[in-house]
C-alpha atoms as a PDB file:
ATOM      1  CA  UNK A   1     129.243  93.168 180.873  1.00  0.00           C
ATOM      2  CA  UNK A   2     125.930  91.559 179.894  1.00  0.00           C
ATOM      3  CA  UNK A   3     124.999  94.736 177.893  1.00  0.00           C
ATOM      4  CA  UNK A   4     128.323  94.359 175.968  1.00  0.00           C
ATOM      5  CA  UNK A   5     127.671  90.650 175.145  1.00  0.00           C
ATOM      6  CA  UNK A   6     124.186  91.511 174.088  1.00  0.00           C
ATOM      7  CA  UNK A   7     125.370  94.232 171.729  1.00  0.00           C
ATOM      8  CA  UNK A   8     128.054  92.064 170.269  1.00  0.00           C
ATOM      9  CA  UNK A   9     125.594  89.276 169.652  1.00  0.00           C
ATOM     10  CA  UNK A  10     122.964  91.734 168.272  1.00  0.00           C
ATOM     11  CA  UNK A  11     125.703  93.216 165.830  1.00  0.00           C
ATOM     12  CA  UNK A  12     126.635  89.675 164.764  1.00  0.00           C
ATOM     13  CA  UNK A  13     123.165  88.728 164.124  1.00  0.00           C
ATOM     14  CA  UNK A  14     122.505  91.901 162.048  1.00  0.00           C
ATOM     15  CA  UNK A  15     125.616  91.323 160.091  1.00  0.00           C
ATOM     16  CA  UNK A  16     124.485  87.717 159.198  1.00  0.00           C
ATOM     17  CA  UNK A  17     120.956  88.906 158.335  1.00  0.00           C
ATOM     18  CA  UNK A  18     122.424  91.536 156.060  1.00  0.00           C
ATOM     19  CA  UNK A  19     124.814  89.052 154.355  1.00  0.00           C
ATOM     20  CA  UNK A  20     121.961  86.583 153.750  1.00  0.00           C
ATOM     21  CA  UNK A  21     119.577  89.279 152.590  1.00  0.00           C
ATOM     22  CA  UNK A  22     122.240  90.619 150.214  1.00  0.00           C
ATOM     23  CA  UNK A  23     122.900  87.140 148.799  1.00  0.00           C
ATOM     24  CA  UNK A  24     119.264  86.391 148.212  1.00  0.00           C
ATOM     25  CA  UNK A  25     118.763  89.805 146.642  1.00  0.00           C
ATOM     26  CA  UNK A  26     121.321  88.998 144.116  1.00  0.00           C
ATOM     27  CA  UNK A  27     123.695  91.625 145.492  1.00  0.00           C
ATOM     28  CA  UNK A  28     127.437  91.254 145.324  1.00  0.00           C
ATOM     29  CA  UNK A  29     128.558  87.982 146.889  1.00  0.00           C
ATOM     30  CA  UNK A  30     132.329  88.726 146.747  1.00  0.00           C
ATOM     31  CA  UNK A  31     132.184  89.497 150.559  1.00  0.00           C
ATOM     32  CA  UNK A  32     130.859  85.906 151.158  1.00  0.00           C
ATOM     33  CA  UNK A  33     133.554  84.506 149.075  1.00  0.00           C
ATOM     34  CA  UNK A  34     136.202  86.366 151.185  1.00  0.00           C
ATOM     35  CA  UNK A  35     134.688  85.362 154.416  1.00  0.00           C
ATOM     36  CA  UNK A  36     133.751  81.707 153.762  1.00  0.00           C
ATOM     37  CA  UNK A  37     135.544  80.249 150.865  1.00  0.00           C
ATOM     38  CA  UNK A  38     137.870  77.330 151.185  1.00  0.00           C
ATOM     39  CA  UNK A  39     141.521  77.349 150.218  1.00  0.00           C
ATOM     40  CA  UNK A  40     140.849  75.267 147.076  1.00  0.00           C
ATOM     41  CA  UNK A  41     142.361  77.219 144.103  1.00  0.00           C
ATOM     42  CA  UNK A  42     141.474  76.543 140.435  1.00  0.00           C
ATOM     43  CA  UNK A  43     144.996  77.351 139.224  1.00  0.00           C
ATOM     44  CA  UNK A  44     148.453  77.385 140.885  1.00  0.00           C
ATOM     45  CA  UNK A  45     150.856  80.033 139.716  1.00  0.00           C
ATOM     46  CA  UNK A  46     153.642  77.610 139.462  1.00  0.00           C
ATOM     47  CA  UNK A  47     151.634  75.591 136.941  1.00  0.00           C
ATOM     48  CA  UNK A  48     150.556  78.255 134.469  1.00  0.00           C
ATOM     49  CA  UNK A  49     152.071  81.115 132.449  1.00  0.00           C
ATOM     50  CA  UNK A  50     149.539  84.010 132.876  1.00  0.00           C
ATOM     51  CA  UNK A  51     149.493  86.824 130.289  1.00  0.00           C
ATOM     52  CA  UNK A  52     147.327  89.744 129.844  1.00  0.00           C
ATOM     53  CA  UNK A  53     146.853  91.454 126.485  1.00  0.00           C
ATOM     54  CA  UNK A  54     144.948  94.409 125.153  1.00  0.00           C
ATOM     55  CA  UNK A  55     143.559  93.498 121.654  1.00  0.00           C
ATOM     56  CA  UNK A  56     143.882  96.876 119.853  1.00  0.00           C
ATOM     57  CA  UNK A  57     141.931  95.695 116.798  1.00  0.00           C
ATOM     58  CA  UNK A  58     138.810  95.335 119.101  1.00  0.00           C
ATOM     59  CA  UNK A  59     137.604  98.756 120.135  1.00  0.00           C
ATOM     60  CA  UNK A  60     135.055  97.875 122.819  1.00  0.00           C
ATOM     61  CA  UNK A  61     132.444  95.306 124.101  1.00  0.00           C
ATOM     62  CA  UNK A  62     134.356  92.066 123.931  1.00  0.00           C
ATOM     63  CA  UNK A  63     132.065  89.647 125.411  1.00  0.00           C
ATOM     64  CA  UNK A  64     132.409  86.026 124.637  1.00  0.00           C
ATOM     65  CA  UNK A  65     134.847  83.372 123.392  1.00  0.00           C
ATOM     66  CA  UNK A  66     134.928  79.743 122.228  1.00  0.00           C
ATOM     67  CA  UNK A  67     137.565  77.276 121.266  1.00  0.00           C
ATOM     68  CA  UNK A  68     137.494  75.436 117.915  1.00  0.00           C
ATOM     69  CA  UNK A  69     139.091  72.196 118.136  1.00  0.00           C
ATOM     70  CA  UNK A  70     138.934  71.794 114.209  1.00  0.00           C
ATOM     71  CA  UNK A  71     141.153  74.883 113.634  1.00  0.00           C
ATOM     72  CA  UNK A  72     142.959  74.867 117.155  1.00  0.00           C
ATOM     73  CA  UNK A  73     142.104  78.615 117.277  1.00  0.00           C
ATOM     74  CA  UNK A  74     139.769  80.787 119.297  1.00  0.00           C
ATOM     75  CA  UNK A  75     136.687  82.705 118.315  1.00  0.00           C
ATOM     76  CA  UNK A  76     135.687  85.849 120.214  1.00  0.00           C
ATOM     77  CA  UNK A  77     132.581  87.969 119.702  1.00  0.00           C
ATOM     78  CA  UNK A  78     131.524  91.659 120.520  1.00  0.00           C
ATOM     79  CA  UNK A  79     127.901  92.925 120.908  1.00  0.00           C
ATOM     80  CA  UNK A  80     128.540  96.356 119.595  1.00  0.00           C
ATOM     81  CA  UNK A  81     129.662  96.472 116.879  1.00  0.00           C
ATOM     82  CA  UNK A  82     128.461  92.939 116.331  1.00  0.00           C
ATOM     83  CA  UNK A  83     131.527  91.043 115.037  1.00  0.00           C
ATOM     84  CA  UNK A  84     133.396  87.758 115.422  1.00  0.00           C
ATOM     85  CA  UNK A  85     137.169  87.659 115.705  1.00  0.00           C
ATOM     86  CA  UNK A  86     139.316  84.528 115.097  1.00  0.00           C
ATOM     87  CA  UNK A  87     142.373  84.646 117.393  1.00  0.00           C
ATOM     88  CA  UNK A  88     145.445  82.581 117.997  1.00  0.00           C
ATOM     89  CA  UNK A  89     146.322  81.577 121.541  1.00  0.00           C
ATOM     90  CA  UNK A  90     148.316  84.677 122.153  1.00  0.00           C
ATOM     91  CA  UNK A  91     145.200  86.839 121.512  1.00  0.00           C
ATOM     92  CA  UNK A  92     146.296  87.919 118.146  1.00  0.00           C
ATOM     93  CA  UNK A  93     143.675  88.741 115.535  1.00  0.00           C
ATOM     94  CA  UNK A  94     143.722  86.337 112.528  1.00  0.00           C
ATOM     95  CA  UNK A  95     140.577  87.740 110.786  1.00  0.00           C
ATOM     96  CA  UNK A  96     137.244  89.510 111.254  1.00  0.00           C
ATOM     97  CA  UNK A  97     133.753  88.446 110.526  1.00  0.00           C
ATOM     98  CA  UNK A  98     130.954  90.983 110.482  1.00  0.00           C
ATOM     99  CA  UNK A  99     127.450  90.016 111.689  1.00  0.00           C
ATOM    100  CA  UNK A 100     124.200  91.284 110.172  1.00  0.00           C
ATOM    101  CA  UNK A 101     120.591  91.093 111.623  1.00  0.00           C
ATOM    102  CA  UNK A 102     121.671  90.380 114.978  1.00  0.00           C
ATOM    103  CA  UNK A 103     120.896  92.721 117.997  1.00  0.00           C
ATOM    104  CA  UNK A 104     122.911  91.900 121.151  1.00  0.00           C
ATOM    105  CA  UNK A 105     125.600  89.212 120.572  1.00  0.00           C
ATOM    106  CA  UNK A 106     126.960  88.184 123.984  1.00  0.00           C
ATOM    107  CA  UNK A 107     128.501  84.815 123.382  1.00  0.00           C
ATOM    108  CA  UNK A 108     129.136  81.926 121.022  1.00  0.00           C
ATOM    109  CA  UNK A 109     130.011  78.388 121.116  1.00  0.00           C
ATOM    110  CA  UNK A 110     131.719  75.842 118.737  1.00  0.00           C
ATOM    111  CA  UNK A 111     129.562  72.891 118.063  1.00  0.00           C
ATOM    112  CA  UNK A 112     131.590  70.759 115.562  1.00  0.00           C
ATOM    113  CA  UNK A 113     133.312  71.155 112.293  1.00  0.00           C
ATOM    114  CA  UNK A 114     132.434  74.554 110.790  1.00  0.00           C
ATOM    115  CA  UNK A 115     129.206  74.921 112.913  1.00  0.00           C
ATOM    116  CA  UNK A 116     128.835  77.420 115.716  1.00  0.00           C
ATOM    117  CA  UNK A 117     125.940  78.764 117.928  1.00  0.00           C
ATOM    118  CA  UNK A 118     125.599  82.652 118.437  1.00  0.00           C
ATOM    119  CA  UNK A 119     123.774  83.669 121.557  1.00  0.00           C
ATOM    120  CA  UNK A 120     121.845  86.900 121.079  1.00  0.00           C
ATOM    121  CA  UNK A 121     120.665  88.457 124.404  1.00  0.00           C
ATOM    122  CA  UNK A 122     118.510  90.985 122.669  1.00  0.00           C
ATOM    123  CA  UNK A 123     116.657  88.517 120.736  1.00  0.00           C
ATOM    124  CA  UNK A 124     116.520  85.983 123.563  1.00  0.00           C
ATOM    125  CA  UNK A 125     117.917  83.024 121.713  1.00  0.00           C
ATOM    126  CA  UNK A 126     120.750  81.366 119.860  1.00  0.00           C
ATOM    127  CA  UNK A 127     121.444  80.765 116.165  1.00  0.00           C
ATOM    128  CA  UNK A 128     123.221  77.950 114.332  1.00  0.00           C
ATOM    129  CA  UNK A 129     125.588  79.273 111.816  1.00  0.00           C
ATOM    130  CA  UNK A 130     128.272  78.069 109.373  1.00  0.00           C
ATOM    131  CA  UNK A 131     131.917  79.536 109.617  1.00  0.00           C
ATOM    132  CA  UNK A 132     134.548  78.253 107.397  1.00  0.00           C
ATOM    133  CA  UNK A 133     138.174  79.673 106.489  1.00  0.00           C
ATOM    134  CA  UNK A 134     136.399  81.885 103.820  1.00  0.00           C
ATOM    135  CA  UNK A 135     133.493  83.485 105.900  1.00  0.00           C
ATOM    136  CA  UNK A 136     133.550  87.217 105.861  1.00  0.00           C
ATOM    137  CA  UNK A 137     129.985  88.003 106.807  1.00  0.00           C
ATOM    138  CA  UNK A 138     127.239  86.128 108.542  1.00  0.00           C
ATOM    139  CA  UNK A 139     123.579  87.257 107.982  1.00  0.00           C
ATOM    140  CA  UNK A 140     121.066  86.119 110.594  1.00  0.00           C
ATOM    141  CA  UNK A 141     118.880  85.037 107.690  1.00  0.00           C
ATOM    142  CA  UNK A 142     121.492  82.396 106.938  1.00  0.00           C
ATOM    143  CA  UNK A 143     121.067  80.721 110.227  1.00  0.00           C
ATOM    144  CA  UNK A 144     120.401  76.934 109.924  1.00  0.00           C
ATOM    145  CA  UNK A 145     118.318  76.760 113.111  1.00  0.00           C
ATOM    146  CA  UNK A 146     117.319  79.014 115.904  1.00  0.00           C
ATOM    147  CA  UNK A 147     116.161  78.543 119.454  1.00  0.00           C
ATOM    148  CA  UNK A 148     114.235  81.153 121.575  1.00  0.00           C
ATOM    149  CA  UNK A 149     113.966  81.239 125.305  1.00  0.00           C
ATOM    150  CA  UNK A 150     113.131  84.479 127.285  1.00  0.00           C
ATOM    151  CA  UNK A 151     113.625  84.272 131.154  1.00  0.00           C
ATOM    152  CA  UNK A 152     114.096  88.060 131.656  1.00  0.00           C
ATOM    153  CA  UNK A 153     112.301  89.928 134.301  1.00  0.00           C
ATOM    154  CA  UNK A 154     114.183  93.122 133.286  1.00  0.00           C
ATOM    155  CA  UNK A 155     115.461  94.029 129.864  1.00  0.00           C
ATOM    156  CA  UNK A 156     119.277  94.038 130.351  1.00  0.00           C
ATOM    157  CA  UNK A 157     119.414  90.862 132.363  1.00  0.00           C
ATOM    158  CA  UNK A 158     118.900  88.185 129.761  1.00  0.00           C
ATOM    159  CA  UNK A 159     120.684  85.162 128.267  1.00  0.00           C
ATOM    160  CA  UNK A 160     124.504  85.888 128.699  1.00  0.00           C
ATOM    161  CA  UNK A 161     126.506  82.708 127.963  1.00  0.00           C
ATOM    162  CA  UNK A 162     126.318  79.434 126.000  1.00  0.00           C
ATOM    163  CA  UNK A 163     128.269  76.153 125.761  1.00  0.00           C
ATOM    164  CA  UNK A 164     127.748  72.790 124.040  1.00  0.00           C
ATOM    165  CA  UNK A 165     128.171  69.127 124.923  1.00  0.00           C
ATOM    166  CA  UNK A 166     128.648  67.435 121.426  1.00  0.00           C
ATOM    167  CA  UNK A 167     128.484  63.884 122.790  1.00  0.00           C
ATOM    168  CA  UNK A 168     124.980  64.374 124.308  1.00  0.00           C
ATOM    169  CA  UNK A 169     123.627  67.136 122.154  1.00  0.00           C
ATOM    170  CA  UNK A 170     123.174  69.476 125.044  1.00  0.00           C
ATOM    171  CA  UNK A 171     123.349  73.368 124.933  1.00  0.00           C
ATOM    172  CA  UNK A 172     123.968  74.975 128.282  1.00  0.00           C
ATOM    173  CA  UNK A 173     122.689  78.491 128.492  1.00  0.00           C
ATOM    174  CA  UNK A 174     122.908  80.887 131.424  1.00  0.00           C
ATOM    175  CA  UNK A 175     120.668  83.851 132.315  1.00  0.00           C
ATOM    176  CA  UNK A 176     122.585  86.660 133.920  1.00  0.00           C
ATOM    177  CA  UNK A 177     120.478  87.538 136.878  1.00  0.00           C
ATOM    178  CA  UNK A 178     116.837  88.216 137.854  1.00  0.00           C
ATOM    179  CA  UNK A 179     116.769  85.287 137.814  1.00  0.00           C
ATOM    180  CA  UNK A 180     120.141  83.557 137.688  1.00  0.00           C
ATOM    181  CA  UNK A 181     119.554  80.475 135.793  1.00  0.00           C
ATOM    182  CA  UNK A 182     121.456  77.646 133.985  1.00  0.00           C
ATOM    183  CA  UNK A 183     119.245  76.042 131.302  1.00  0.00           C
ATOM    184  CA  UNK A 184     119.782  72.762 129.708  1.00  0.00           C
ATOM    185  CA  UNK A 185     118.502  72.339 126.172  1.00  0.00           C
ATOM    186  CA  UNK A 186     118.929  68.671 124.974  1.00  0.00           C
ATOM    187  CA  UNK A 187     118.341  67.476 121.469  1.00  0.00           C
ATOM    188  CA  UNK A 188     117.925  70.675 119.712  1.00  0.00           C
ATOM    189  CA  UNK A 189     120.740  70.357 117.245  1.00  0.00           C
ATOM    190  CA  UNK A 190     120.097  66.733 116.054  1.00  0.00           C
ATOM    191  CA  UNK A 191     116.204  66.761 116.566  1.00  0.00           C
ATOM    192  CA  UNK A 192     113.432  69.039 115.862  1.00  0.00           C
ATOM    193  CA  UNK A 193     112.119  68.643 119.461  1.00  0.00           C
ATOM    194  CA  UNK A 194     114.159  69.844 122.254  1.00  0.00           C
ATOM    195  CA  UNK A 195     113.879  69.096 125.976  1.00  0.00           C
ATOM    196  CA  UNK A 196     114.311  72.162 128.162  1.00  0.00           C
ATOM    197  CA  UNK A 197     115.302  71.909 131.853  1.00  0.00           C
ATOM    198  CA  UNK A 198     116.563  74.209 134.556  1.00  0.00           C
ATOM    199  CA  UNK A 199     119.625  73.102 136.401  1.00  0.00           C
ATOM    200  CA  UNK A 200     118.180  74.012 139.777  1.00  0.00           C
ATOM    201  CA  UNK A 201     120.636  71.894 141.768  1.00  0.00           C
ATOM    202  CA  UNK A 202     123.479  73.896 140.359  1.00  0.00           C
ATOM    203  CA  UNK A 203     122.019  77.209 141.417  1.00  0.00           C
ATOM    204  CA  UNK A 204     121.194  75.810 144.896  1.00  0.00           C
ATOM    205  CA  UNK A 205     125.001  75.376 145.507  1.00  0.00           C
ATOM    206  CA  UNK A 206     125.989  78.723 144.255  1.00  0.00           C
ATOM    207  CA  UNK A 207     126.854  81.051 147.102  1.00  0.00           C
ATOM    208  CA  UNK A 208     129.467  83.434 145.767  1.00  0.00           C
ATOM    209  CA  UNK A 209     128.536  84.315 142.056  1.00  0.00           C
ATOM    210  CA  UNK A 210     126.511  87.475 142.051  1.00  0.00           C
ATOM    211  CA  UNK A 211     125.752  87.208 138.332  1.00  0.00           C
ATOM    212  CA  UNK A 212     126.508  84.647 135.661  1.00  0.00           C
ATOM    213  CA  UNK A 213     128.516  85.916 132.709  1.00  0.00           C
ATOM    214  CA  UNK A 214     129.694  82.833 130.856  1.00  0.00           C
ATOM    215  CA  UNK A 215     129.405  78.934 131.006  1.00  0.00           C
ATOM    216  CA  UNK A 216     131.848  76.394 129.694  1.00  0.00           C
ATOM    217  CA  UNK A 217     131.428  72.633 129.336  1.00  0.00           C
ATOM    218  CA  UNK A 218     134.907  70.964 129.197  1.00  0.00           C
ATOM    219  CA  UNK A 219     134.212  67.917 126.975  1.00  0.00           C
ATOM    220  CA  UNK A 220     137.665  66.589 127.449  1.00  0.00           C
ATOM    221  CA  UNK A 221     137.315  66.391 131.368  1.00  0.00           C
ATOM    222  CA  UNK A 222     133.644  66.430 131.768  1.00  0.00           C
ATOM    223  CA  UNK A 223     133.647  69.612 133.922  1.00  0.00           C
ATOM    224  CA  UNK A 224     131.639  72.769 133.965  1.00  0.00           C
ATOM    225  CA  UNK A 225     132.963  76.250 134.601  1.00  0.00           C
ATOM    226  CA  UNK A 226     130.931  79.391 135.362  1.00  0.00           C
ATOM    227  CA  UNK A 227     132.306  83.055 135.194  1.00  0.00           C
ATOM    228  CA  UNK A 228     130.926  85.985 137.133  1.00  0.00           C
ATOM    229  CA  UNK A 229     131.556  89.604 136.103  1.00  0.00           C
ATOM    230  CA  UNK A 230     130.313  91.213 139.245  1.00  0.00           C
ATOM    231  CA  UNK A 231     132.065  88.746 141.641  1.00  0.00           C
ATOM    232  CA  UNK A 232     135.130  88.525 139.501  1.00  0.00           C
ATOM    233  CA  UNK A 233     135.327  84.876 139.988  1.00  0.00           C
ATOM    234  CA  UNK A 234     135.717  81.731 137.786  1.00  0.00           C
ATOM    235  CA  UNK A 235     134.238  78.709 139.352  1.00  0.00           C
ATOM    236  CA  UNK A 236     134.892  75.051 138.611  1.00  0.00           C
ATOM    237  CA  UNK A 237     131.936  72.602 139.294  1.00  0.00           C
ATOM    238  CA  UNK A 238     132.402  69.041 140.139  1.00  0.00           C
ATOM    239  CA  UNK A 239     130.294  66.012 139.014  1.00  0.00           C
ATOM    240  CA  UNK A 240     127.837  66.493 141.817  1.00  0.00           C
ATOM    241  CA  UNK A 241     127.111  70.011 140.618  1.00  0.00           C
ATOM    242  CA  UNK A 242     128.848  71.603 143.537  1.00  0.00           C
ATOM    243  CA  UNK A 243     131.144  74.538 143.270  1.00  0.00           C
ATOM    244  CA  UNK A 244     134.548  73.024 143.669  1.00  0.00           C
ATOM    245  CA  UNK A 245     137.227  75.590 142.999  1.00  0.00           C
ATOM    246  CA  UNK A 246     137.714  79.091 142.156  1.00  0.00           C
ATOM    247  CA  UNK A 247     139.862  81.574 140.349  1.00  0.00           C
ATOM    248  CA  UNK A 248     139.784  84.987 142.005  1.00  0.00           C
ATOM    249  CA  UNK A 249     140.529  87.673 139.376  1.00  0.00           C
ATOM    250  CA  UNK A 250     141.670  90.132 142.156  1.00  0.00           C
ATOM    251  CA  UNK A 251     144.597  88.153 143.401  1.00  0.00           C
ATOM    252  CA  UNK A 252     147.128  89.863 141.044  1.00  0.00           C
ATOM    253  CA  UNK A 253     147.803  93.237 139.376  1.00  0.00           C
ATOM    254  CA  UNK A 254     147.848  91.509 136.111  1.00  0.00           C
ATOM    255  CA  UNK A 255     144.432  89.898 136.587  1.00  0.00           C
ATOM    256  CA  UNK A 256     142.922  93.097 137.961  1.00  0.00           C
ATOM    257  CA  UNK A 257     143.383  94.576 134.556  1.00  0.00           C
ATOM    258  CA  UNK A 258     140.484  92.428 133.503  1.00  0.00           C
ATOM    259  CA  UNK A 259     137.752  94.936 134.613  1.00  0.00           C
ATOM    260  CA  UNK A 260     134.669  93.154 133.313  1.00  0.00           C
ATOM    261  CA  UNK A 261     135.155  89.427 132.794  1.00  0.00           C
ATOM    262  CA  UNK A 262     132.608  88.493 130.128  1.00  0.00           C
ATOM    263  CA  UNK A 263     133.784  85.191 128.437  1.00  0.00           C
ATOM    264  CA  UNK A 264     135.625  82.009 129.212  1.00  0.00           C
ATOM    265  CA  UNK A 265     136.807  78.903 127.389  1.00  0.00           C
ATOM    266  CA  UNK A 266     139.384  76.037 127.462  1.00  0.00           C
ATOM    267  CA  UNK A 267     141.216  74.230 124.826  1.00  0.00           C
ATOM    268  CA  UNK A 268     141.970  70.617 124.424  1.00  0.00           C
ATOM    269  CA  UNK A 269     145.270  70.851 126.285  1.00  0.00           C
ATOM    270  CA  UNK A 270     143.638  72.363 129.389  1.00  0.00           C
ATOM    271  CA  UNK A 271     144.748  76.081 128.748  1.00  0.00           C
ATOM    272  CA  UNK A 272     142.285  78.675 129.984  1.00  0.00           C
ATOM    273  CA  UNK A 273     141.219  81.808 128.264  1.00  0.00           C
ATOM    274  CA  UNK A 274     139.129  84.815 129.646  1.00  0.00           C
ATOM    275  CA  UNK A 275     138.030  87.909 127.763  1.00  0.00           C
ATOM    276  CA  UNK A 276     136.363  91.057 128.956  1.00  0.00           C
ATOM    277  CA  UNK A 277     135.196  94.470 128.030  1.00  0.00           C
ATOM    278  CA  UNK A 278     136.471  96.604 126.523  1.00  0.00           C
ATOM    279  CA  UNK A 279     139.256  94.460 124.790  1.00  0.00           C
ATOM    280  CA  UNK A 280     141.222  92.513 127.227  1.00  0.00           C
ATOM    281  CA  UNK A 281     142.329  88.965 126.737  1.00  0.00           C
ATOM    282  CA  UNK A 282     143.768  86.774 129.609  1.00  0.00           C
ATOM    283  CA  UNK A 283     145.584  83.519 128.901  1.00  0.00           C
ATOM    284  CA  UNK A 284     146.608  80.914 131.478  1.00  0.00           C
ATOM    285  CA  UNK A 285     148.889  78.576 129.528  1.00  0.00           C
ATOM    286  CA  UNK A 286     150.107  75.249 131.174  1.00  0.00           C
ATOM    287  CA  UNK A 287     153.901  75.407 131.751  1.00  0.00           C
ATOM    288  CA  UNK A 288     155.777  72.615 129.707  1.00  0.00           C
END
């Protein structure tokens, strides 16, 4: 009897050590989510109309999305070929904008009016560009400003997402993994000198996201959202920088079609939009 108890305790200890080791080595944390997450859900099915769409005009590598409150439309980006697509909220393509001189365009964020920031992982930075209703091509040489920050320990694990807080002039960047980081860049848009800080508290409270694919600052509700491709989770973060609620993209057949969730944004009405490789668009529209 004692030997059985000892074996059970040893197995439990080994399992615990294995899970903790996997977590700190940045391996997949979805198992931790399934074992320990609470019942708080980011969305309730009865409150949203969920639709999945394949954007046929986009061949591959759909990686980022942002909401433009000036036009009330969405702007999505691909990294190869390097292009921007303006979309309506149904995921229908309104126009295509070609990018020249960029290397690996992973995300973009609307700043204000006709200004956007394009995040380029290959160049380890972001570029402020102008996009109006007549824009057909953007050359990197036309950028109004550029910011560089290389946190990579490995070539393909660099800057992956960007969002902007217009009220406080703060860009939020995420480094995918090795290391997983949320970076706060304040004062860059309105000043020549920027203050750069790591949001260490945010990462200390992250237990379930194996990698970081996208970040979104909801200026209308003062909330953060972080998307993980590997864990297939969208997390909502409270004002204390704790991970508060989650959307598990494995909970329905419709959401499972999103194989590689890469980009996330919200509009002023609270609707949610997720895009992923190769060309999948998920919308969560609040029911009237």
